[in-house]
């Protein structure tokens, strides 16, 4: 297996971009990523396109990548459409990494794009029902007006269990939302950047108890792209070399895919949770980040509240988490999230993160979750990156 690196990343503004569409957002992100890499379109040999819900929201299914690149210089390349819930972008990246590592190609492009906003506001929420087992929850009845994501019902359940089991407080969930919003204030591409207080979060509209609106990731549009290449190729480009130390996927795994994916990645890379300088975790709801602290081994089980109370996971703390603003504030365009996490970590490792820069960042990990089964994500993808 060849060693793999990331040559470039690109990301659009995340937010509400009603009617913009997959093509416009995708090509913008790709242009930025290619410029970041210093490569030409002719250098790319494969495209992996992550998207979760365009089939329902935009009625564009089956050949999304081919449609996006229809009139583009990359149009004739082999293209693979990747659908894997909220980990669609992370899965596209994983496939690009494996293609380069295997020697099949020297340069592959991974991107994730999602258009969630639509004139019919129920489409995105109805599409999200497909992120779990429809046999369990039933199909959407004709004329049903979904107002919230069904995933927030699940997050609320595990959030309440966390409170009951570990003695954490709802204020701890609010602290996560406040921290990530503070980080987003330093990220010009983040969706929600206005600072908020614990009181603001606790006093906001209730979604599903104990979650309020700022504790839940917003409906978001956006795209992110990653140029993956061999390590030798990256070294020839005269750019900072960001190596992919590990990229591991776990599905289901008895309700513990985050723990399993993290352990597989640690074993492959020969590192542990305490070695990381910066992390991007899948905070689709505030309690998810808190739970992942112990699931990835950053603290003993149930002690995540201590980390956020002490500021350990904020900028300037021991291990900053979600410096991008996370899904809560950067935004969560489902299929784009996995690649957006990678884009943030590469930006940090290159020392290009501006006022949110983690000093001397060298080793980083992203955890991208997707779907929901048996009390946790249906899958999780752990990626470890290192600046050489």
Foldseek 3Di string as FASTA:
>chain_A
DFWKWFQFKFKAQKAADEPPDDQNQAVRGVVRRCVSNVHDLVQAAEEEEFAAQCCQQVVDDDPVVLVSCVPHPNNPHHYHYAYFFLCRQVVSVVVQRVCQRVVVGFKHKGKYWFNQDYPLNQRNQLSLVVLEDCVVVPHDDPPDRDDDHPVVVLVQVVVVVLCVPQVDDVLLLLLLLQQLLCLQLLAPSAHRNDHDDSCRQCPADCDDPPGHLLQAFDRMGIMMMIMMGGQVVSVVSPAFIKTWQDKFKDFPPVQQQLLVQLVVSCVSNVHAPLPFQEEEEARNGSVRVLQSCPSRPVDPGSCSSVCSVVVQQHQVHSYHYNSNSHSSISHRSRRRRSNVRVNVLVCQCRVNSPPSHRPPGFKYKYKGFRGDDDSHGRMIMIIIMGGD
